[in-house]
PDB file of N, CA and C in Angstrom:
ATOM      1  N   UNK A   1      44.842  90.953 169.052  1.00  0.00           N
ATOM      2  CA  UNK A   1      45.215  90.176 167.878  1.00  0.00           C
ATOM      3  C   UNK A   1      46.592  90.651 167.415  1.00  0.00           C
ATOM      4  N   UNK A   2      47.515  89.719 167.292  1.00  0.00           N
ATOM      5  CA  UNK A   2      48.862  90.131 166.918  1.00  0.00           C
ATOM      6  C   UNK A   2      48.948  90.401 165.414  1.00  0.00           C
ATOM      7  N   UNK A   3      50.063  90.916 164.998  1.00  0.00           N
ATOM      8  CA  UNK A   3      50.207  91.361 163.611  1.00  0.00           C
ATOM      9  C   UNK A   3      50.183  90.194 162.633  1.00  0.00           C
ATOM     10  N   UNK A   4      50.629  89.015 163.037  1.00  0.00           N
ATOM     11  CA  UNK A   4      50.627  87.880 162.119  1.00  0.00           C
ATOM     12  C   UNK A   4      49.216  87.354 161.880  1.00  0.00           C
ATOM     13  N   UNK A   5      48.374  87.379 162.908  1.00  0.00           N
ATOM     14  CA  UNK A   5      46.974  86.998 162.727  1.00  0.00           C
ATOM     15  C   UNK A   5      46.264  88.002 161.823  1.00  0.00           C
ATOM     16  N   UNK A   6      46.569  89.278 161.989  1.00  0.00           N
ATOM     17  CA  UNK A   6      45.973  90.295 161.131  1.00  0.00           C
ATOM     18  C   UNK A   6      46.431  90.129 159.693  1.00  0.00           C
ATOM     19  N   UNK A   7      47.695  89.819 159.497  1.00  0.00           N
ATOM     20  CA  UNK A   7      48.220  89.583 158.155  1.00  0.00           C
ATOM     21  C   UNK A   7      47.577  88.355 157.523  1.00  0.00           C
ATOM     22  N   UNK A   8      47.387  87.315 158.300  1.00  0.00           N
ATOM     23  CA  UNK A   8      46.733  86.101 157.814  1.00  0.00           C
ATOM     24  C   UNK A   8      45.291  86.388 157.418  1.00  0.00           C
ATOM     25  N   UNK A   9      44.570  87.117 158.256  1.00  0.00           N
ATOM     26  CA  UNK A   9      43.184  87.460 157.970  1.00  0.00           C
ATOM     27  C   UNK A   9      43.077  88.349 156.740  1.00  0.00           C
ATOM     28  N   UNK A  10      43.945  89.336 156.633  1.00  0.00           N
ATOM     29  CA  UNK A  10      43.920  90.243 155.483  1.00  0.00           C
ATOM     30  C   UNK A  10      44.243  89.509 154.186  1.00  0.00           C
ATOM     31  N   UNK A  11      45.192  88.591 154.218  1.00  0.00           N
ATOM     32  CA  UNK A  11      45.532  87.852 153.000  1.00  0.00           C
ATOM     33  C   UNK A  11      44.409  86.907 152.594  1.00  0.00           C
ATOM     34  N   UNK A  12      43.713  86.316 153.562  1.00  0.00           N
ATOM     35  CA  UNK A  12      42.565  85.471 153.234  1.00  0.00           C
ATOM     36  C   UNK A  12      41.429  86.289 152.629  1.00  0.00           C
ATOM     37  N   UNK A  13      41.168  87.459 153.179  1.00  0.00           N
ATOM     38  CA  UNK A  13      40.118  88.327 152.638  1.00  0.00           C
ATOM     39  C   UNK A  13      40.489  88.817 151.246  1.00  0.00           C
ATOM     40  N   UNK A  14      41.744  89.159 151.043  1.00  0.00           N
ATOM     41  CA  UNK A  14      42.197  89.594 149.722  1.00  0.00           C
ATOM     42  C   UNK A  14      42.046  88.480 148.691  1.00  0.00           C
ATOM     43  N   UNK A  15      42.345  87.257 149.075  1.00  0.00           N
ATOM     44  CA  UNK A  15      42.189  86.150 148.126  1.00  0.00           C
ATOM     45  C   UNK A  15      40.722  85.921 147.787  1.00  0.00           C
ATOM     46  N   UNK A  16      39.818  86.092 148.746  1.00  0.00           N
ATOM     47  CA  UNK A  16      38.384  85.977 148.463  1.00  0.00           C
ATOM     48  C   UNK A  16      37.954  87.063 147.489  1.00  0.00           C
ATOM     49  N   UNK A  17      38.447  88.283 147.667  1.00  0.00           N
ATOM     50  CA  UNK A  17      38.108  89.384 146.760  1.00  0.00           C
ATOM     51  C   UNK A  17      38.600  89.114 145.344  1.00  0.00           C
ATOM     52  N   UNK A  18      39.813  88.620 145.211  1.00  0.00           N
ATOM     53  CA  UNK A  18      40.371  88.345 143.883  1.00  0.00           C
ATOM     54  C   UNK A  18      39.593  87.232 143.194  1.00  0.00           C
ATOM     55  N   UNK A  19      39.265  86.170 143.925  1.00  0.00           N
ATOM     56  CA  UNK A  19      38.493  85.072 143.335  1.00  0.00           C
ATOM     57  C   UNK A  19      37.116  85.561 142.914  1.00  0.00           C
ATOM     58  N   UNK A  20      36.475  86.392 143.734  1.00  0.00           N
ATOM     59  CA  UNK A  20      35.153  86.926 143.398  1.00  0.00           C
ATOM     60  C   UNK A  20      35.207  87.760 142.127  1.00  0.00           C
ATOM     61  N   UNK A  21      36.208  88.607 141.996  1.00  0.00           N
ATOM     62  CA  UNK A  21      36.349  89.429 140.788  1.00  0.00           C
ATOM     63  C   UNK A  21      36.562  88.548 139.566  1.00  0.00           C
ATOM     64  N   UNK A  22      37.398  87.525 139.696  1.00  0.00           N
ATOM     65  CA  UNK A  22      37.629  86.624 138.567  1.00  0.00           C
ATOM     66  C   UNK A  22      36.364  85.868 138.178  1.00  0.00           C
ATOM     67  N   UNK A  23      35.542  85.509 139.152  1.00  0.00           N
ATOM     68  CA  UNK A  23      34.294  84.822 138.840  1.00  0.00           C
ATOM     69  C   UNK A  23      33.265  85.747 138.198  1.00  0.00           C
ATOM     70  N   UNK A  24      33.324  87.040 138.518  1.00  0.00           N
ATOM     71  CA  UNK A  24      32.344  87.983 137.973  1.00  0.00           C
ATOM     72  C   UNK A  24      32.751  88.589 136.630  1.00  0.00           C
ATOM     73  N   UNK A  25      34.002  88.440 136.223  1.00  0.00           N
ATOM     74  CA  UNK A  25      34.446  89.025 134.953  1.00  0.00           C
ATOM     75  C   UNK A  25      33.656  88.556 133.732  1.00  0.00           C
ATOM     76  N   UNK A  26      33.342  87.272 133.585  1.00  0.00           N
ATOM     77  CA  UNK A  26      32.576  86.874 132.392  1.00  0.00           C
ATOM     78  C   UNK A  26      31.190  87.506 132.309  1.00  0.00           C
ATOM     79  N   UNK A  27      30.568  87.803 133.443  1.00  0.00           N
ATOM     80  CA  UNK A  27      29.226  88.382 133.410  1.00  0.00           C
ATOM     81  C   UNK A  27      29.233  89.827 132.927  1.00  0.00           C
ATOM     82  N   UNK A  28      30.401  90.469 132.899  1.00  0.00           N
ATOM     83  CA  UNK A  28      30.491  91.832 132.374  1.00  0.00           C
ATOM     84  C   UNK A  28      30.380  91.817 130.856  1.00  0.00           C
ATOM     85  N   UNK A  29      31.039  90.846 130.239  1.00  0.00           N
ATOM     86  CA  UNK A  29      31.133  90.818 128.787  1.00  0.00           C
ATOM     87  C   UNK A  29      30.074  89.947 128.123  1.00  0.00           C
ATOM     88  N   UNK A  30      29.550  88.961 128.813  1.00  0.00           N
ATOM     89  CA  UNK A  30      28.564  88.051 128.234  1.00  0.00           C
ATOM     90  C   UNK A  30      27.275  88.196 129.032  1.00  0.00           C
ATOM     91  N   UNK A  31      26.251  88.763 128.399  1.00  0.00           N
ATOM     92  CA  UNK A  31      25.011  89.044 129.114  1.00  0.00           C
ATOM     93  C   UNK A  31      24.230  87.771 129.419  1.00  0.00           C
ATOM     94  N   UNK A  32      24.423  86.727 128.627  1.00  0.00           N
ATOM     95  CA  UNK A  32      23.670  85.494 128.860  1.00  0.00           C
ATOM     96  C   UNK A  32      24.155  84.740 130.095  1.00  0.00           C
ATOM     97  N   UNK A  33      25.283  85.143 130.661  1.00  0.00           N
ATOM     98  CA  UNK A  33      25.811  84.495 131.863  1.00  0.00           C
ATOM     99  C   UNK A  33      25.114  85.023 133.114  1.00  0.00           C
ATOM    100  N   UNK A  34      24.523  86.211 133.034  1.00  0.00           N
ATOM    101  CA  UNK A  34      23.869  86.813 134.199  1.00  0.00           C
ATOM    102  C   UNK A  34      22.662  85.986 134.624  1.00  0.00           C
ATOM    103  N   UNK A  35      22.496  85.824 135.925  1.00  0.00           N
ATOM    104  CA  UNK A  35      21.416  85.014 136.477  1.00  0.00           C
ATOM    105  C   UNK A  35      20.429  85.949 137.174  1.00  0.00           C
ATOM    106  N   UNK A  36      19.179  85.918 136.722  1.00  0.00           N
ATOM    107  CA  UNK A  36      18.121  86.733 137.309  1.00  0.00           C
ATOM    108  C   UNK A  36      17.175  85.839 138.103  1.00  0.00           C
ATOM    109  N   UNK A  37      16.774  86.289 139.271  1.00  0.00           N
ATOM    110  CA  UNK A  37      15.719  85.631 140.033  1.00  0.00           C
ATOM    111  C   UNK A  37      14.788  86.731 140.522  1.00  0.00           C
ATOM    112  N   UNK A  38      13.561  86.707 140.056  1.00  0.00           N
ATOM    113  CA  UNK A  38      12.557  87.722 140.393  1.00  0.00           C
ATOM    114  C   UNK A  38      13.052  89.135 140.113  1.00  0.00           C
ATOM    115  N   UNK A  39      13.786  89.312 139.029  1.00  0.00           N
ATOM    116  CA  UNK A  39      14.265  90.624 138.632  1.00  0.00           C
ATOM    117  C   UNK A  39      15.548  91.068 139.298  1.00  0.00           C
ATOM    118  N   UNK A  40      16.154  90.235 140.101  1.00  0.00           N
ATOM    119  CA  UNK A  40      17.397  90.585 140.788  1.00  0.00           C
ATOM    120  C   UNK A  40      18.544  89.724 140.274  1.00  0.00           C
ATOM    121  N   UNK A  41      19.719  90.339 140.168  1.00  0.00           N
ATOM    122  CA  UNK A  41      20.924  89.578 139.846  1.00  0.00           C
ATOM    123  C   UNK A  41      21.338  88.771 141.079  1.00  0.00           C
ATOM    124  N   UNK A  42      21.688  87.526 140.882  1.00  0.00           N
ATOM    125  CA  UNK A  42      22.250  86.755 141.995  1.00  0.00           C
ATOM    126  C   UNK A  42      23.691  86.357 141.690  1.00  0.00           C
ATOM    127  N   UNK A  43      24.271  86.949 140.647  1.00  0.00           N
ATOM    128  CA  UNK A  43      25.665  86.644 140.310  1.00  0.00           C
ATOM    129  C   UNK A  43      26.611  87.022 141.443  1.00  0.00           C
ATOM    130  N   UNK A  44      26.420  88.183 142.045  1.00  0.00           N
ATOM    131  CA  UNK A  44      27.321  88.654 143.093  1.00  0.00           C
ATOM    132  C   UNK A  44      27.336  87.765 144.320  1.00  0.00           C
ATOM    133  N   UNK A  45      26.170  87.543 144.954  1.00  0.00           N
ATOM    134  CA  UNK A  45      26.171  86.662 146.127  1.00  0.00           C
ATOM    135  C   UNK A  45      26.624  85.237 145.811  1.00  0.00           C
ATOM    136  N   UNK A  46      26.276  84.754 144.623  1.00  0.00           N
ATOM    137  CA  UNK A  46      26.707  83.412 144.225  1.00  0.00           C
ATOM    138  C   UNK A  46      28.223  83.356 144.053  1.00  0.00           C
ATOM    139  N   UNK A  47      28.797  84.384 143.436  1.00  0.00           N
ATOM    140  CA  UNK A  47      30.252  84.431 143.255  1.00  0.00           C
ATOM    141  C   UNK A  47      30.972  84.546 144.598  1.00  0.00           C
ATOM    142  N   UNK A  48      30.419  85.323 145.517  1.00  0.00           N
ATOM    143  CA  UNK A  48      31.027  85.450 146.844  1.00  0.00           C
ATOM    144  C   UNK A  48      30.981  84.121 147.590  1.00  0.00           C
ATOM    145  N   UNK A  49      29.841  83.421 147.503  1.00  0.00           N
ATOM    146  CA  UNK A  49      29.724  82.124 148.174  1.00  0.00           C
ATOM    147  C   UNK A  49      30.706  81.105 147.596  1.00  0.00           C
ATOM    148  N   UNK A  50      30.836  81.073 146.271  1.00  0.00           N
ATOM    149  CA  UNK A  50      31.781  80.149 145.636  1.00  0.00           C
ATOM    150  C   UNK A  50      33.213  80.520 146.009  1.00  0.00           C
ATOM    151  N   UNK A  51      33.522  81.815 146.037  1.00  0.00           N
ATOM    152  CA  UNK A  51      34.877  82.256 146.381  1.00  0.00           C
ATOM    153  C   UNK A  51      35.236  81.883 147.817  1.00  0.00           C
ATOM    154  N   UNK A  52      34.306  82.056 148.739  1.00  0.00           N
ATOM    155  CA  UNK A  52      34.565  81.677 150.130  1.00  0.00           C
ATOM    156  C   UNK A  52      34.772  80.173 150.241  1.00  0.00           C
ATOM    157  N   UNK A  53      33.939  79.403 149.531  1.00  0.00           N
ATOM    158  CA  UNK A  53      34.100  77.950 149.554  1.00  0.00           C
ATOM    159  C   UNK A  53      35.465  77.534 149.015  1.00  0.00           C
ATOM    160  N   UNK A  54      35.856  78.091 147.861  1.00  0.00           N
ATOM    161  CA  UNK A  54      37.147  77.738 147.271  1.00  0.00           C
ATOM    162  C   UNK A  54      38.307  78.149 148.167  1.00  0.00           C
ATOM    163  N   UNK A  55      38.189  79.304 148.792  1.00  0.00           N
ATOM    164  CA  UNK A  55      39.269  79.791 149.645  1.00  0.00           C
ATOM    165  C   UNK A  55      39.408  78.926 150.890  1.00  0.00           C
ATOM    166  N   UNK A  56      38.304  78.550 151.497  1.00  0.00           N
ATOM    167  CA  UNK A  56      38.364  77.721 152.700  1.00  0.00           C
ATOM    168  C   UNK A  56      38.822  76.308 152.363  1.00  0.00           C
ATOM    169  N   UNK A  57      38.335  75.778 151.240  1.00  0.00           N
ATOM    170  CA  UNK A  57      38.642  74.388 150.890  1.00  0.00           C
ATOM    171  C   UNK A  57      40.068  74.210 150.371  1.00  0.00           C
ATOM    172  N   UNK A  58      40.540  75.134 149.514  1.00  0.00           N
ATOM    173  CA  UNK A  58      41.796  74.899 148.810  1.00  0.00           C
ATOM    174  C   UNK A  58      42.891  75.934 149.068  1.00  0.00           C
ATOM    175  N   UNK A  59      42.552  77.162 149.375  1.00  0.00           N
ATOM    176  CA  UNK A  59      43.545  78.232 149.397  1.00  0.00           C
ATOM    177  C   UNK A  59      43.766  78.854 150.769  1.00  0.00           C
ATOM    178  N   UNK A  60      43.509  78.127 151.813  1.00  0.00           N
ATOM    179  CA  UNK A  60      43.658  78.687 153.158  1.00  0.00           C
ATOM    180  C   UNK A  60      45.105  79.115 153.389  1.00  0.00           C
ATOM    181  N   UNK A  61      45.297  80.368 153.744  1.00  0.00           N
ATOM    182  CA  UNK A  61      46.627  80.916 153.989  1.00  0.00           C
ATOM    183  C   UNK A  61      46.861  80.931 155.493  1.00  0.00           C
ATOM    184  N   UNK A  62      47.923  80.275 155.909  1.00  0.00           N
ATOM    185  CA  UNK A  62      48.252  80.228 157.329  1.00  0.00           C
ATOM    186  C   UNK A  62      49.679  80.707 157.532  1.00  0.00           C
ATOM    187  N   UNK A  63      49.868  81.477 158.563  1.00  0.00           N
ATOM    188  CA  UNK A  63      51.196  81.987 158.892  1.00  0.00           C
ATOM    189  C   UNK A  63      51.582  81.425 160.255  1.00  0.00           C
ATOM    190  N   UNK A  64      52.612  80.619 160.258  1.00  0.00           N
ATOM    191  CA  UNK A  64      53.134  80.065 161.506  1.00  0.00           C
ATOM    192  C   UNK A  64      54.453  80.758 161.825  1.00  0.00           C
ATOM    193  N   UNK A  65      54.519  81.304 162.997  1.00  0.00           N
ATOM    194  CA  UNK A  65      55.720  82.021 163.409  1.00  0.00           C
ATOM    195  C   UNK A  65      56.167  81.482 164.757  1.00  0.00           C
ATOM    196  N   UNK A  66      57.390  81.043 164.811  1.00  0.00           N
ATOM    197  CA  UNK A  66      57.942  80.537 166.062  1.00  0.00           C
ATOM    198  C   UNK A  66      59.120  81.402 166.470  1.00  0.00           C
ATOM    199  N   UNK A  67      59.134  81.780 167.726  1.00  0.00           N
ATOM    200  CA  UNK A  67      60.249  82.571 168.242  1.00  0.00           C
ATOM    201  C   UNK A  67      61.421  81.653 168.539  1.00  0.00           C
ATOM    202  N   UNK A  68      62.591  82.127 168.187  1.00  0.00           N
ATOM    203  CA  UNK A  68      63.795  81.376 168.507  1.00  0.00           C
ATOM    204  C   UNK A  68      64.522  82.102 169.630  1.00  0.00           C
ATOM    205  N   UNK A  69      64.991  81.345 170.581  1.00  0.00           N
ATOM    206  CA  UNK A  69      65.671  81.944 171.736  1.00  0.00           C
ATOM    207  C   UNK A  69      67.079  82.355 171.419  1.00  0.00           C
TER     208      UNK A  69
END
């Protein structure tokens, strides 16, 4: 894997992390936003799924590099 593919992958993963953190911030301060199912929080997996969807649908980062002779 060349360095540009690695940079593209790392930037996509970083954007997913940032979106996930932004989606989880309200649940820190507002307890009524937390979602419980059978005693477990599902905020984290739900936020990750939404972040991946948003990143794939709208924020896909692509790096195109062409060599010039």
